[in-house]
PDB file of N, CA and C in Angstrom:
ATOM      1  N   MET A   1     -36.524 -57.220 124.694  1.00  0.00           N
ATOM      2  CA  MET A   1     -35.371 -56.883 123.909  1.00  0.00           C
ATOM      3  C   MET A   1     -34.416 -58.069 123.868  1.00  0.00           C
ATOM      4  N   ALA A   2     -33.737 -58.212 122.767  1.00  0.00           N
ATOM      5  CA  ALA A   2     -32.802 -59.314 122.613  1.00  0.00           C
ATOM      6  C   ALA A   2     -31.491 -59.020 123.332  1.00  0.00           C
ATOM      7  N   HIS A   3     -30.945 -60.023 123.981  1.00  0.00           N
ATOM      8  CA  HIS A   3     -29.657 -59.912 124.654  1.00  0.00           C
ATOM      9  C   HIS A   3     -28.753 -61.026 124.161  1.00  0.00           C
ATOM     10  N   PRO A   4     -27.455 -60.756 124.074  1.00  0.00           N
ATOM     11  CA  PRO A   4     -26.548 -61.823 123.649  1.00  0.00           C
ATOM     12  C   PRO A   4     -26.513 -62.939 124.688  1.00  0.00           C
ATOM     13  N   LYS A   5     -26.439 -64.174 124.211  1.00  0.00           N
ATOM     14  CA  LYS A   5     -26.405 -65.311 125.128  1.00  0.00           C
ATOM     15  C   LYS A   5     -25.049 -65.392 125.824  1.00  0.00           C
ATOM     16  N   ARG A   6     -23.981 -65.022 125.110  1.00  0.00           N
ATOM     17  CA  ARG A   6     -22.643 -65.055 125.685  1.00  0.00           C
ATOM     18  C   ARG A   6     -21.938 -63.715 125.447  1.00  0.00           C
ATOM     19  N   LYS A   7     -20.981 -63.425 126.307  1.00  0.00           N
ATOM     20  CA  LYS A   7     -20.191 -62.199 126.165  1.00  0.00           C
ATOM     21  C   LYS A   7     -19.311 -62.295 124.916  1.00  0.00           C
ATOM     22  N   ILE A   8     -19.280 -61.209 124.155  1.00  0.00           N
ATOM     23  CA  ILE A   8     -18.387 -61.147 123.001  1.00  0.00           C
ATOM     24  C   ILE A   8     -17.043 -60.634 123.495  1.00  0.00           C
ATOM     25  N   SER A   9     -15.986 -61.364 123.187  1.00  0.00           N
ATOM     26  CA  SER A   9     -14.660 -60.999 123.692  1.00  0.00           C
ATOM     27  C   SER A   9     -14.179 -59.694 123.060  1.00  0.00           C
ATOM     28  N   LYS A  10     -13.219 -59.076 123.723  1.00  0.00           N
ATOM     29  CA  LYS A  10     -12.651 -57.830 123.209  1.00  0.00           C
ATOM     30  C   LYS A  10     -11.952 -58.058 121.876  1.00  0.00           C
ATOM     31  N   THR A  11     -11.325 -59.201 121.732  1.00  0.00           N
ATOM     32  CA  THR A  11     -10.633 -59.511 120.478  1.00  0.00           C
ATOM     33  C   THR A  11     -11.618 -59.615 119.327  1.00  0.00           C
ATOM     34  N   ARG A  12     -12.730 -60.292 119.554  1.00  0.00           N
ATOM     35  CA  ARG A  12     -13.733 -60.449 118.500  1.00  0.00           C
ATOM     36  C   ARG A  12     -14.372 -59.114 118.147  1.00  0.00           C
ATOM     37  N   ARG A  13     -14.646 -58.316 119.165  1.00  0.00           N
ATOM     38  CA  ARG A  13     -15.202 -56.985 118.939  1.00  0.00           C
ATOM     39  C   ARG A  13     -14.241 -56.133 118.122  1.00  0.00           C
ATOM     40  N   ASP A  14     -12.959 -56.146 118.480  1.00  0.00           N
ATOM     41  CA  ASP A  14     -11.969 -55.332 117.787  1.00  0.00           C
ATOM     42  C   ASP A  14     -11.743 -55.804 116.358  1.00  0.00           C
ATOM     43  N   LYS A  15     -11.847 -57.102 116.116  1.00  0.00           N
ATOM     44  CA  LYS A  15     -11.731 -57.619 114.744  1.00  0.00           C
ATOM     45  C   LYS A  15     -12.835 -57.052 113.866  1.00  0.00           C
ATOM     46  N   ARG A  16     -14.029 -56.933 114.416  1.00  0.00           N
ATOM     47  CA  ARG A  16     -15.149 -56.391 113.666  1.00  0.00           C
ATOM     48  C   ARG A  16     -14.932 -54.913 113.362  1.00  0.00           C
ATOM     49  N   ARG A  17     -14.297 -54.207 114.287  1.00  0.00           N
ATOM     50  CA  ARG A  17     -14.114 -52.770 114.130  1.00  0.00           C
ATOM     51  C   ARG A  17     -12.898 -52.389 113.289  1.00  0.00           C
ATOM     52  N   THR A  18     -12.135 -53.344 112.819  1.00  0.00           N
ATOM     53  CA  THR A  18     -10.940 -53.013 112.041  1.00  0.00           C
ATOM     54  C   THR A  18     -11.288 -52.339 110.730  1.00  0.00           C
ATOM     55  N   HIS A  19     -12.484 -52.517 110.228  1.00  0.00           N
ATOM     56  CA  HIS A  19     -12.870 -51.942 108.949  1.00  0.00           C
ATOM     57  C   HIS A  19     -13.356 -50.508 109.082  1.00  0.00           C
ATOM     58  N   HIS A  20     -13.531 -50.038 110.307  1.00  0.00           N
ATOM     59  CA  HIS A  20     -13.963 -48.658 110.534  1.00  0.00           C
ATOM     60  C   HIS A  20     -12.723 -47.771 110.540  1.00  0.00           C
ATOM     61  N   VAL A  21     -12.384 -47.243 109.385  1.00  0.00           N
ATOM     62  CA  VAL A  21     -11.167 -46.460 109.236  1.00  0.00           C
ATOM     63  C   VAL A  21     -11.543 -45.005 109.005  1.00  0.00           C
ATOM     64  N   ALA A  22     -10.804 -44.102 109.624  1.00  0.00           N
ATOM     65  CA  ALA A  22     -11.044 -42.677 109.412  1.00  0.00           C
ATOM     66  C   ALA A  22     -10.624 -42.310 107.996  1.00  0.00           C
ATOM     67  N   SER A  23     -11.457 -41.551 107.316  1.00  0.00           N
ATOM     68  CA  SER A  23     -11.136 -41.136 105.955  1.00  0.00           C
ATOM     69  C   SER A  23     -10.274 -39.880 106.002  1.00  0.00           C
ATOM     70  N   PRO A  24      -9.421 -39.672 105.004  1.00  0.00           N
ATOM     71  CA  PRO A  24      -8.588 -38.467 104.998  1.00  0.00           C
ATOM     72  C   PRO A  24      -9.441 -37.214 104.829  1.00  0.00           C
ATOM     73  N   LYS A  25      -9.000 -36.126 105.431  1.00  0.00           N
ATOM     74  CA  LYS A  25      -9.725 -34.866 105.357  1.00  0.00           C
ATOM     75  C   LYS A  25      -9.592 -34.252 103.973  1.00  0.00           C
ATOM     76  N   THR A  26     -10.630 -33.572 103.528  1.00  0.00           N
ATOM     77  CA  THR A  26     -10.623 -32.920 102.225  1.00  0.00           C
ATOM     78  C   THR A  26      -9.898 -31.584 102.330  1.00  0.00           C
ATOM     79  N   ILE A  27      -8.928 -31.386 101.441  1.00  0.00           N
ATOM     80  CA  ILE A  27      -8.152 -30.145 101.417  1.00  0.00           C
ATOM     81  C   ILE A  27      -8.667 -29.280 100.273  1.00  0.00           C
ATOM     82  N   SER A  28      -8.905 -28.011 100.568  1.00  0.00           N
ATOM     83  CA  SER A  28      -9.361 -27.068  99.558  1.00  0.00           C
ATOM     84  C   SER A  28      -8.338 -25.951  99.412  1.00  0.00           C
ATOM     85  N   ILE A  29      -8.410 -25.258  98.295  1.00  0.00           N
ATOM     86  CA  ILE A  29      -7.559 -24.100  98.043  1.00  0.00           C
ATOM     87  C   ILE A  29      -8.437 -22.853  98.094  1.00  0.00           C
ATOM     88  N   CYS A  30      -8.049 -21.898  98.928  1.00  0.00           N
ATOM     89  CA  CYS A  30      -8.803 -20.654  99.065  1.00  0.00           C
ATOM     90  C   CYS A  30      -8.661 -19.834  97.786  1.00  0.00           C
ATOM     91  N   GLN A  31      -9.771 -19.339  97.268  1.00  0.00           N
ATOM     92  CA  GLN A  31      -9.736 -18.528  96.057  1.00  0.00           C
ATOM     93  C   GLN A  31      -9.190 -17.127  96.336  1.00  0.00           C
ATOM     94  N   THR A  32      -9.298 -16.666  97.581  1.00  0.00           N
ATOM     95  CA  THR A  32      -8.824 -15.339  97.939  1.00  0.00           C
ATOM     96  C   THR A  32      -7.314 -15.325  98.173  1.00  0.00           C
ATOM     97  N   THR A  33      -6.816 -16.307  98.970  1.00  0.00           N
ATOM     98  CA  THR A  33      -5.410 -16.301  99.390  1.00  0.00           C
ATOM     99  C   THR A  33      -4.574 -17.377  98.720  1.00  0.00           C
ATOM    100  N   ASP A  34      -5.184 -18.298  97.983  1.00  0.00           N
ATOM    101  CA  ASP A  34      -4.513 -19.445  97.356  1.00  0.00           C
ATOM    102  C   ASP A  34      -3.807 -20.328  98.384  1.00  0.00           C
ATOM    103  N   ALA A  35      -4.306 -20.369  99.606  1.00  0.00           N
ATOM    104  CA  ALA A  35      -3.715 -21.183 100.661  1.00  0.00           C
ATOM    105  C   ALA A  35      -4.508 -22.484 100.807  1.00  0.00           C
ATOM    106  N   PRO A  36      -3.827 -23.630 100.960  1.00  0.00           N
ATOM    107  CA  PRO A  36      -4.546 -24.873 101.220  1.00  0.00           C
ATOM    108  C   PRO A  36      -5.070 -24.894 102.654  1.00  0.00           C
ATOM    109  N   HIS A  37      -6.266 -25.447 102.844  1.00  0.00           N
ATOM    110  CA  HIS A  37      -6.851 -25.525 104.186  1.00  0.00           C
ATOM    111  C   HIS A  37      -7.858 -26.657 104.235  1.00  0.00           C
ATOM    112  N   VAL A  38      -8.184 -27.085 105.460  1.00  0.00           N
ATOM    113  CA  VAL A  38      -9.207 -28.102 105.670  1.00  0.00           C
ATOM    114  C   VAL A  38     -10.556 -27.423 105.543  1.00  0.00           C
ATOM    115  N   ARG A  39     -11.474 -28.084 104.847  1.00  0.00           N
ATOM    116  CA  ARG A  39     -12.784 -27.490 104.601  1.00  0.00           C
ATOM    117  C   ARG A  39     -13.540 -27.256 105.906  1.00  0.00           C
ATOM    118  N   HIS A  40     -14.310 -26.186 105.954  1.00  0.00           N
ATOM    119  CA  HIS A  40     -15.164 -25.824 107.087  1.00  0.00           C
ATOM    120  C   HIS A  40     -14.363 -25.566 108.357  1.00  0.00           C
ATOM    121  N   ARG A  41     -13.123 -25.104 108.203  1.00  0.00           N
ATOM    122  CA  ARG A  41     -12.294 -24.739 109.347  1.00  0.00           C
ATOM    123  C   ARG A  41     -11.624 -23.403 109.050  1.00  0.00           C
ATOM    124  N   ALA A  42     -11.410 -22.606 110.073  1.00  0.00           N
ATOM    125  CA  ALA A  42     -10.678 -21.347 109.911  1.00  0.00           C
ATOM    126  C   ALA A  42      -9.206 -21.674 109.721  1.00  0.00           C
ATOM    127  N   TYR A  43      -8.478 -20.792 109.020  1.00  0.00           N
ATOM    128  CA  TYR A  43      -7.068 -21.032 108.740  1.00  0.00           C
ATOM    129  C   TYR A  43      -6.311 -19.722 108.765  1.00  0.00           C
ATOM    130  N   VAL A  44      -5.020 -19.808 109.118  1.00  0.00           N
ATOM    131  CA  VAL A  44      -4.172 -18.625 109.277  1.00  0.00           C
ATOM    132  C   VAL A  44      -3.301 -18.445 108.037  1.00  0.00           C
ATOM    133  N   VAL A  45      -3.264 -17.215 107.514  1.00  0.00           N
ATOM    134  CA  VAL A  45      -2.404 -16.855 106.392  1.00  0.00           C
ATOM    135  C   VAL A  45      -1.728 -15.537 106.740  1.00  0.00           C
ATOM    136  N   ASN A  46      -0.401 -15.560 106.834  1.00  0.00           N
ATOM    137  CA  ASN A  46       0.383 -14.357 107.136  1.00  0.00           C
ATOM    138  C   ASN A  46      -0.115 -13.623 108.389  1.00  0.00           C
ATOM    139  N   GLY A  47      -0.454 -14.379 109.430  1.00  0.00           N
ATOM    140  CA  GLY A  47      -0.867 -13.772 110.691  1.00  0.00           C
ATOM    141  C   GLY A  47      -2.320 -13.349 110.760  1.00  0.00           C
ATOM    142  N   ASP A  48      -3.082 -13.534 109.687  1.00  0.00           N
ATOM    143  CA  ASP A  48      -4.507 -13.194 109.685  1.00  0.00           C
ATOM    144  C   ASP A  48      -5.337 -14.477 109.632  1.00  0.00           C
ATOM    145  N   LEU A  49      -6.478 -14.473 110.302  1.00  0.00           N
ATOM    146  CA  LEU A  49      -7.357 -15.635 110.352  1.00  0.00           C
ATOM    147  C   LEU A  49      -8.461 -15.482 109.316  1.00  0.00           C
ATOM    148  N   TYR A  50      -8.608 -16.488 108.449  1.00  0.00           N
ATOM    149  CA  TYR A  50      -9.614 -16.470 107.395  1.00  0.00           C
ATOM    150  C   TYR A  50     -10.619 -17.597 107.608  1.00  0.00           C
ATOM    151  N   TYR A  51     -11.848 -17.360 107.170  1.00  0.00           N
ATOM    152  CA  TYR A  51     -12.885 -18.394 107.152  1.00  0.00           C
ATOM    153  C   TYR A  51     -13.813 -18.089 105.990  1.00  0.00           C
ATOM    154  N   ASN A  52     -14.117 -19.075 105.185  1.00  0.00           N
ATOM    155  CA  ASN A  52     -14.951 -18.932 103.982  1.00  0.00           C
ATOM    156  C   ASN A  52     -14.378 -17.894 103.018  1.00  0.00           C
ATOM    157  N   GLY A  53     -13.057 -17.785 102.960  1.00  0.00           N
ATOM    158  CA  GLY A  53     -12.418 -16.850 102.048  1.00  0.00           C
ATOM    159  C   GLY A  53     -12.494 -15.405 102.481  1.00  0.00           C
ATOM    160  N   LYS A  54     -12.989 -15.155 103.693  1.00  0.00           N
ATOM    161  CA  LYS A  54     -13.116 -13.784 104.192  1.00  0.00           C
ATOM    162  C   LYS A  54     -12.234 -13.605 105.415  1.00  0.00           C
ATOM    163  N   LEU A  55     -11.692 -12.422 105.574  1.00  0.00           N
ATOM    164  CA  LEU A  55     -10.857 -12.104 106.724  1.00  0.00           C
ATOM    165  C   LEU A  55     -11.727 -12.079 107.979  1.00  0.00           C
ATOM    166  N   ALA A  56     -11.399 -12.948 108.948  1.00  0.00           N
ATOM    167  CA  ALA A  56     -12.182 -13.010 110.174  1.00  0.00           C
ATOM    168  C   ALA A  56     -11.521 -12.191 111.293  1.00  0.00           C
ATOM    169  N   VAL A  57     -10.186 -12.354 111.472  1.00  0.00           N
ATOM    170  CA  VAL A  57      -9.479 -11.653 112.528  1.00  0.00           C
ATOM    171  C   VAL A  57      -8.129 -11.203 111.984  1.00  0.00           C
ATOM    172  N   GLU A  58      -7.836  -9.901 112.127  1.00  0.00           N
ATOM    173  CA  GLU A  58      -6.533  -9.400 111.732  1.00  0.00           C
ATOM    174  C   GLU A  58      -5.526  -9.613 112.866  1.00  0.00           C
ATOM    175  N   ASN A  59      -4.258  -9.824 112.506  1.00  0.00           N
ATOM    176  CA  ASN A  59      -3.173 -10.006 113.475  1.00  0.00           C
ATOM    177  C   ASN A  59      -3.544 -11.072 114.502  1.00  0.00           C
ATOM    178  N   TYR A  60      -3.951 -12.233 114.033  1.00  0.00           N
ATOM    179  CA  TYR A  60      -4.386 -13.340 114.887  1.00  0.00           C
ATOM    180  C   TYR A  60      -3.192 -13.996 115.565  1.00  0.00           C
ATOM    181  N   THR A  61      -3.296 -14.243 116.867  1.00  0.00           N
ATOM    182  CA  THR A  61      -2.289 -15.005 117.605  1.00  0.00           C
ATOM    183  C   THR A  61      -2.996 -16.150 118.307  1.00  0.00           C
ATOM    184  N   SER A  62      -2.416 -17.323 118.215  1.00  0.00           N
ATOM    185  CA  SER A  62      -3.007 -18.512 118.801  1.00  0.00           C
ATOM    186  C   SER A  62      -2.880 -18.486 120.328  1.00  0.00           C
ATOM    187  N   ILE A  63      -3.906 -18.922 121.020  1.00  0.00           N
ATOM    188  CA  ILE A  63      -3.900 -18.948 122.481  1.00  0.00           C
ATOM    189  C   ILE A  63      -3.155 -20.179 122.984  1.00  0.00           C
ATOM    190  N   ALA A  64      -3.375 -21.312 122.343  1.00  0.00           N
ATOM    191  CA  ALA A  64      -2.773 -22.551 122.813  1.00  0.00           C
ATOM    192  C   ALA A  64      -1.400 -22.772 122.302  1.00  0.00           C
TER     193      ALA A  64
END
């Protein structure tokens, strides 16, 4: 297996990684509740928890 002849410095490594940027999350509008939410995540509307446009939990309270 190939190994680097010299150690790559942290500065050089970080310069290479500057182009790896997190992309913004896609926001969708629920057809049932018309609420904006992050795709593929559950979301709360008026105290109820929804996922895929369907009511998952009534009277939802967050634990954290």
